């Protein structure tokens, strides 16, 4: 793994500690992830959700 990433054209360097943490995350299984701090979505909230493609505003072209 490289010690940097390029975001918006800017090279961002990672520390050895950050690289080690990322490698540890890659080795985690789904069962090891703690989701307890994420609130559950109710059926009503889920029903109100819209697909991202339906929420986008259409661009208006100036004439």
PDB file of N, CA and C in Angstrom:
ATOM      1  N   UNK A   1       0.841  -1.172   0.000  1.00  0.00           N
ATOM      2  CA  UNK A   1       0.000   0.000   0.000  1.00  0.00           C
ATOM      3  C   UNK A   1       0.887   1.236   0.000  1.00  0.00           C
ATOM      4  N   UNK A   2       0.508   2.201  -0.799  1.00  0.00           N
ATOM      5  CA  UNK A   2       1.267   3.452  -0.840  1.00  0.00           C
ATOM      6  C   UNK A   2       1.024   4.246   0.440  1.00  0.00           C
ATOM      7  N   UNK A   3       1.955   5.121   0.775  1.00  0.00           N
ATOM      8  CA  UNK A   3       1.789   5.924   1.979  1.00  0.00           C
ATOM      9  C   UNK A   3       1.098   7.252   1.687  1.00  0.00           C
ATOM     10  N   UNK A   4       0.429   7.349   0.549  1.00  0.00           N
ATOM     11  CA  UNK A   4      -0.321   8.557   0.238  1.00  0.00           C
ATOM     12  C   UNK A   4      -1.520   8.211  -0.631  1.00  0.00           C
ATOM     13  N   UNK A   5      -2.478   9.129  -0.638  1.00  0.00           N
ATOM     14  CA  UNK A   5      -3.610   9.057  -1.561  1.00  0.00           C
ATOM     15  C   UNK A   5      -3.695  10.411  -2.252  1.00  0.00           C
ATOM     16  N   UNK A   6      -4.353  10.439  -3.385  1.00  0.00           N
ATOM     17  CA  UNK A   6      -4.551  11.702  -4.100  1.00  0.00           C
ATOM     18  C   UNK A   6      -6.041  12.008  -4.047  1.00  0.00           C
ATOM     19  N   UNK A   7      -6.380  13.142  -3.423  1.00  0.00           N
ATOM     20  CA  UNK A   7      -7.772  13.552  -3.279  1.00  0.00           C
ATOM     21  C   UNK A   7      -7.894  14.967  -3.809  1.00  0.00           C
ATOM     22  N   UNK A   8      -8.758  15.142  -4.786  1.00  0.00           N
ATOM     23  CA  UNK A   8      -8.955  16.452  -5.425  1.00  0.00           C
ATOM     24  C   UNK A   8      -7.634  17.018  -5.935  1.00  0.00           C
ATOM     25  N   UNK A   9      -6.783  16.159  -6.443  1.00  0.00           N
ATOM     26  CA  UNK A   9      -5.518  16.601  -7.006  1.00  0.00           C
ATOM     27  C   UNK A   9      -4.440  16.912  -5.986  1.00  0.00           C
ATOM     28  N   UNK A  10      -4.717  16.654  -4.695  1.00  0.00           N
ATOM     29  CA  UNK A  10      -3.759  16.941  -3.632  1.00  0.00           C
ATOM     30  C   UNK A  10      -3.247  15.618  -3.076  1.00  0.00           C
ATOM     31  N   UNK A  11      -1.940  15.496  -2.942  1.00  0.00           N
ATOM     32  CA  UNK A  11      -1.344  14.288  -2.400  1.00  0.00           C
ATOM     33  C   UNK A  11      -1.384  14.361  -0.874  1.00  0.00           C
ATOM     34  N   UNK A  12      -2.091  13.408  -0.243  1.00  0.00           N
ATOM     35  CA  UNK A  12      -2.228  13.372   1.208  1.00  0.00           C
ATOM     36  C   UNK A  12      -1.444  12.169   1.719  1.00  0.00           C
ATOM     37  N   UNK A  13      -0.451  12.426   2.559  1.00  0.00           N
ATOM     38  CA  UNK A  13       0.397  11.361   3.080  1.00  0.00           C
ATOM     39  C   UNK A  13      -0.208  10.743   4.321  1.00  0.00           C
ATOM     40  N   UNK A  14      -0.037   9.417   4.467  1.00  0.00           N
ATOM     41  CA  UNK A  14      -0.515   8.679   5.627  1.00  0.00           C
ATOM     42  C   UNK A  14       0.654   8.354   6.543  1.00  0.00           C
ATOM     43  N   UNK A  15       0.372   8.372   7.842  1.00  0.00           N
ATOM     44  CA  UNK A  15       1.399   7.991   8.814  1.00  0.00           C
ATOM     45  C   UNK A  15       1.446   6.472   8.893  1.00  0.00           C
ATOM     46  N   UNK A  16       2.535   5.900   9.405  1.00  0.00           N
ATOM     47  CA  UNK A  16       2.580   4.434   9.582  1.00  0.00           C
ATOM     48  C   UNK A  16       1.440   3.922  10.466  1.00  0.00           C
ATOM     49  N   UNK A  17       1.025   4.714  11.456  1.00  0.00           N
ATOM     50  CA  UNK A  17      -0.088   4.309  12.318  1.00  0.00           C
ATOM     51  C   UNK A  17      -1.397   4.233  11.526  1.00  0.00           C
ATOM     52  N   UNK A  18      -1.613   5.205  10.642  1.00  0.00           N
ATOM     53  CA  UNK A  18      -2.823   5.200   9.816  1.00  0.00           C
ATOM     54  C   UNK A  18      -2.827   4.001   8.877  1.00  0.00           C
ATOM     55  N   UNK A  19      -1.680   3.692   8.301  1.00  0.00           N
ATOM     56  CA  UNK A  19      -1.581   2.548   7.393  1.00  0.00           C
ATOM     57  C   UNK A  19      -1.874   1.253   8.145  1.00  0.00           C
ATOM     58  N   UNK A  20      -1.343   1.116   9.362  1.00  0.00           N
ATOM     59  CA  UNK A  20      -1.586  -0.086  10.169  1.00  0.00           C
ATOM     60  C   UNK A  20      -3.069  -0.214  10.516  1.00  0.00           C
ATOM     61  N   UNK A  21      -3.713   0.911  10.829  1.00  0.00           N
ATOM     62  CA  UNK A  21      -5.136   0.880  11.164  1.00  0.00           C
ATOM     63  C   UNK A  21      -5.975   0.463   9.956  1.00  0.00           C
ATOM     64  N   UNK A  22      -5.646   0.971   8.787  1.00  0.00           N
ATOM     65  CA  UNK A  22      -6.368   0.602   7.564  1.00  0.00           C
ATOM     66  C   UNK A  22      -6.199  -0.889   7.273  1.00  0.00           C
ATOM     67  N   UNK A  23      -4.997  -1.393   7.438  1.00  0.00           N
ATOM     68  CA  UNK A  23      -4.750  -2.824   7.217  1.00  0.00           C
ATOM     69  C   UNK A  23      -5.560  -3.670   8.196  1.00  0.00           C
ATOM     70  N   UNK A  24      -5.676  -3.222   9.448  1.00  0.00           N
ATOM     71  CA  UNK A  24      -6.468  -3.957  10.441  1.00  0.00           C
ATOM     72  C   UNK A  24      -7.945  -3.964  10.048  1.00  0.00           C
ATOM     73  N   UNK A  25      -8.453  -2.831   9.537  1.00  0.00           N
ATOM     74  CA  UNK A  25      -9.844  -2.770   9.090  1.00  0.00           C
ATOM     75  C   UNK A  25     -10.094  -3.738   7.945  1.00  0.00           C
ATOM     76  N   UNK A  26      -9.142  -3.852   7.025  1.00  0.00           N
ATOM     77  CA  UNK A  26      -9.306  -4.747   5.878  1.00  0.00           C
ATOM     78  C   UNK A  26      -9.453  -6.202   6.315  1.00  0.00           C
ATOM     79  N   UNK A  27      -8.831  -6.558   7.441  1.00  0.00           N
ATOM     80  CA  UNK A  27      -8.857  -7.941   7.917  1.00  0.00           C
ATOM     81  C   UNK A  27     -10.095  -8.264   8.736  1.00  0.00           C
ATOM     82  N   UNK A  28     -10.880  -7.242   9.108  1.00  0.00           N
ATOM     83  CA  UNK A  28     -12.069  -7.458   9.922  1.00  0.00           C
ATOM     84  C   UNK A  28     -13.157  -8.165   9.127  1.00  0.00           C
ATOM     85  N   UNK A  29     -13.875  -9.042   9.824  1.00  0.00           N
ATOM     86  CA  UNK A  29     -15.044  -9.670   9.219  1.00  0.00           C
ATOM     87  C   UNK A  29     -16.269  -8.837   9.573  1.00  0.00           C
ATOM     88  N   UNK A  30     -17.386  -9.088   8.912  1.00  0.00           N
ATOM     89  CA  UNK A  30     -18.614  -8.352   9.201  1.00  0.00           C
ATOM     90  C   UNK A  30     -19.059  -8.550  10.649  1.00  0.00           C
ATOM     91  N   UNK A  31     -18.819  -9.729  11.212  1.00  0.00           N
ATOM     92  CA  UNK A  31     -19.230 -10.016  12.584  1.00  0.00           C
ATOM     93  C   UNK A  31     -18.427  -9.217  13.610  1.00  0.00           C
ATOM     94  N   UNK A  32     -17.259  -8.740  13.245  1.00  0.00           N
ATOM     95  CA  UNK A  32     -16.412  -7.990  14.173  1.00  0.00           C
ATOM     96  C   UNK A  32     -16.729  -6.500  14.201  1.00  0.00           C
ATOM     97  N   UNK A  33     -17.572  -6.029  13.288  1.00  0.00           N
ATOM     98  CA  UNK A  33     -17.904  -4.610  13.218  1.00  0.00           C
ATOM     99  C   UNK A  33     -18.989  -4.298  14.244  1.00  0.00           C
ATOM    100  N   UNK A  34     -18.773  -3.244  15.040  1.00  0.00           N
ATOM    101  CA  UNK A  34     -19.721  -2.841  16.075  1.00  0.00           C
ATOM    102  C   UNK A  34     -20.675  -1.793  15.508  1.00  0.00           C
ATOM    103  N   UNK A  35     -21.930  -2.170  15.371  1.00  0.00           N
ATOM    104  CA  UNK A  35     -22.945  -1.271  14.836  1.00  0.00           C
ATOM    105  C   UNK A  35     -23.827  -0.690  15.943  1.00  0.00           C
ATOM    106  N   UNK A  36     -23.470  -0.881  17.206  1.00  0.00           N
ATOM    107  CA  UNK A  36     -24.340  -0.503  18.319  1.00  0.00           C
ATOM    108  C   UNK A  36     -24.586   1.002  18.420  1.00  0.00           C
ATOM    109  N   UNK A  37     -23.720   1.830  17.860  1.00  0.00           N
ATOM    110  CA  UNK A  37     -23.911   3.278  17.956  1.00  0.00           C
ATOM    111  C   UNK A  37     -24.715   3.847  16.792  1.00  0.00           C
ATOM    112  N   UNK A  38     -25.183   2.983  15.900  1.00  0.00           N
ATOM    113  CA  UNK A  38     -25.974   3.428  14.750  1.00  0.00           C
ATOM    114  C   UNK A  38     -27.446   3.165  15.050  1.00  0.00           C
ATOM    115  N   UNK A  39     -28.303   4.190  15.032  1.00  0.00           N
ATOM    116  CA  UNK A  39     -29.721   3.960  15.334  1.00  0.00           C
ATOM    117  C   UNK A  39     -30.394   3.134  14.237  1.00  0.00           C
ATOM    118  N   UNK A  40     -31.346   2.328  14.640  1.00  0.00           N
ATOM    119  CA  UNK A  40     -32.086   1.518  13.675  1.00  0.00           C
ATOM    120  C   UNK A  40     -33.053   2.414  12.896  1.00  0.00           C
ATOM    121  N   UNK A  41     -33.287   2.067  11.640  1.00  0.00           N
ATOM    122  CA  UNK A  41     -34.214   2.808  10.788  1.00  0.00           C
ATOM    123  C   UNK A  41     -35.587   2.170  10.936  1.00  0.00           C
ATOM    124  N   UNK A  42     -36.595   3.002  11.183  1.00  0.00           N
ATOM    125  CA  UNK A  42     -37.950   2.477  11.311  1.00  0.00           C
ATOM    126  C   UNK A  42     -38.539   2.232   9.921  1.00  0.00           C
ATOM    127  N   UNK A  43     -39.630   1.486   9.877  1.00  0.00           N
ATOM    128  CA  UNK A  43     -40.286   1.214   8.595  1.00  0.00           C
ATOM    129  C   UNK A  43     -40.801   2.510   7.969  1.00  0.00           C
ATOM    130  N   UNK A  44     -41.259   3.445   8.815  1.00  0.00           N
ATOM    131  CA  UNK A  44     -41.759   4.719   8.302  1.00  0.00           C
ATOM    132  C   UNK A  44     -40.633   5.530   7.659  1.00  0.00           C
ATOM    133  N   UNK A  45     -39.472   5.568   8.308  1.00  0.00           N
ATOM    134  CA  UNK A  45     -38.329   6.294   7.748  1.00  0.00           C
ATOM    135  C   UNK A  45     -37.886   5.665   6.431  1.00  0.00           C
ATOM    136  N   UNK A  46     -37.856   4.343   6.403  1.00  0.00           N
ATOM    137  CA  UNK A  46     -37.443   3.642   5.199  1.00  0.00           C
ATOM    138  C   UNK A  46     -38.421   3.912   4.051  1.00  0.00           C
ATOM    139  N   UNK A  47     -39.710   3.983   4.352  1.00  0.00           N
ATOM    140  CA  UNK A  47     -40.727   4.230   3.320  1.00  0.00           C
ATOM    141  C   UNK A  47     -40.598   5.637   2.742  1.00  0.00           C
ATOM    142  N   UNK A  48     -40.123   6.622   3.540  1.00  0.00           N
ATOM    143  CA  UNK A  48     -39.972   7.996   3.060  1.00  0.00           C
ATOM    144  C   UNK A  48     -38.720   8.210   2.214  1.00  0.00           C
ATOM    145  N   UNK A  49     -37.803   7.264   2.242  1.00  0.00           N
ATOM    146  CA  UNK A  49     -36.557   7.432   1.495  1.00  0.00           C
ATOM    147  C   UNK A  49     -36.809   7.373  -0.007  1.00  0.00           C
ATOM    148  N   UNK A  50     -36.003   8.133  -0.733  1.00  0.00           N
ATOM    149  CA  UNK A  50     -36.075   8.132  -2.189  1.00  0.00           C
ATOM    150  C   UNK A  50     -34.714   7.746  -2.730  1.00  0.00           C
ATOM    151  N   UNK A  51     -34.715   7.131  -3.870  1.00  0.00           N
ATOM    152  CA  UNK A  51     -33.447   6.801  -4.518  1.00  0.00           C
ATOM    153  C   UNK A  51     -32.710   8.093  -4.833  1.00  0.00           C
ATOM    154  N   UNK A  52     -31.406   8.065  -4.740  1.00  0.00           N
ATOM    155  CA  UNK A  52     -30.591   9.252  -4.971  1.00  0.00           C
ATOM    156  C   UNK A  52     -30.873   9.864  -6.342  1.00  0.00           C
ATOM    157  N   UNK A  53     -31.093   9.040  -7.326  1.00  0.00           N
ATOM    158  CA  UNK A  53     -31.327   9.569  -8.670  1.00  0.00           C
ATOM    159  C   UNK A  53     -32.633  10.349  -8.756  1.00  0.00           C
ATOM    160  N   UNK A  54     -33.568  10.096  -7.831  1.00  0.00           N
ATOM    161  CA  UNK A  54     -34.827  10.824  -7.843  1.00  0.00           C
ATOM    162  C   UNK A  54     -34.738  12.142  -7.080  1.00  0.00           C
ATOM    163  N   UNK A  55     -33.720  12.300  -6.225  1.00  0.00           N
ATOM    164  CA  UNK A  55     -33.579  13.509  -5.420  1.00  0.00           C
ATOM    165  C   UNK A  55     -32.775  14.589  -6.113  1.00  0.00           C
ATOM    166  N   UNK A  56     -32.017  14.235  -7.117  1.00  0.00           N
ATOM    167  CA  UNK A  56     -31.146  15.220  -7.774  1.00  0.00           C
ATOM    168  C   UNK A  56     -31.968  16.295  -8.470  1.00  0.00           C
ATOM    169  N   UNK A  57     -31.526  17.514  -8.331  1.00  0.00           N
ATOM    170  CA  UNK A  57     -32.200  18.605  -9.040  1.00  0.00           C
ATOM    171  C   UNK A  57     -31.695  18.614 -10.479  1.00  0.00           C
ATOM    172  N   UNK A  58     -32.601  18.920 -11.365  1.00  0.00           N
ATOM    173  CA  UNK A  58     -32.209  19.010 -12.770  1.00  0.00           C
ATOM    174  C   UNK A  58     -31.529  20.348 -13.018  1.00  0.00           C
ATOM    175  N   UNK A  59     -30.470  20.314 -13.772  1.00  0.00           N
ATOM    176  CA  UNK A  59     -29.760  21.546 -14.106  1.00  0.00           C
ATOM    177  C   UNK A  59     -30.588  22.382 -15.051  1.00  0.00           C
ATOM    178  N   UNK A  60     -30.639  23.679 -14.768  1.00  0.00           N
ATOM    179  CA  UNK A  60     -31.367  24.578 -15.649  1.00  0.00           C
ATOM    180  C   UNK A  60     -30.346  25.330 -16.485  1.00  0.00           C
ATOM    181  N   UNK A  61     -30.544  25.303 -17.785  1.00  0.00           N
ATOM    182  CA  UNK A  61     -29.639  25.970 -18.705  1.00  0.00           C
ATOM    183  C   UNK A  61     -30.141  27.382 -18.929  1.00  0.00           C
ATOM    184  N   UNK A  62     -29.275  28.364 -18.727  1.00  0.00           N
ATOM    185  CA  UNK A  62     -29.651  29.766 -18.957  1.00  0.00           C
ATOM    186  C   UNK A  62     -29.782  30.004 -20.462  1.00  0.00           C
ATOM    187  N   UNK A  63     -30.836  30.722 -20.827  1.00  0.00           N
ATOM    188  CA  UNK A  63     -31.025  30.980 -22.266  1.00  0.00           C
ATOM    189  C   UNK A  63     -30.624  32.354 -22.665  1.00  0.00           C
TER     190      UNK A  63
END
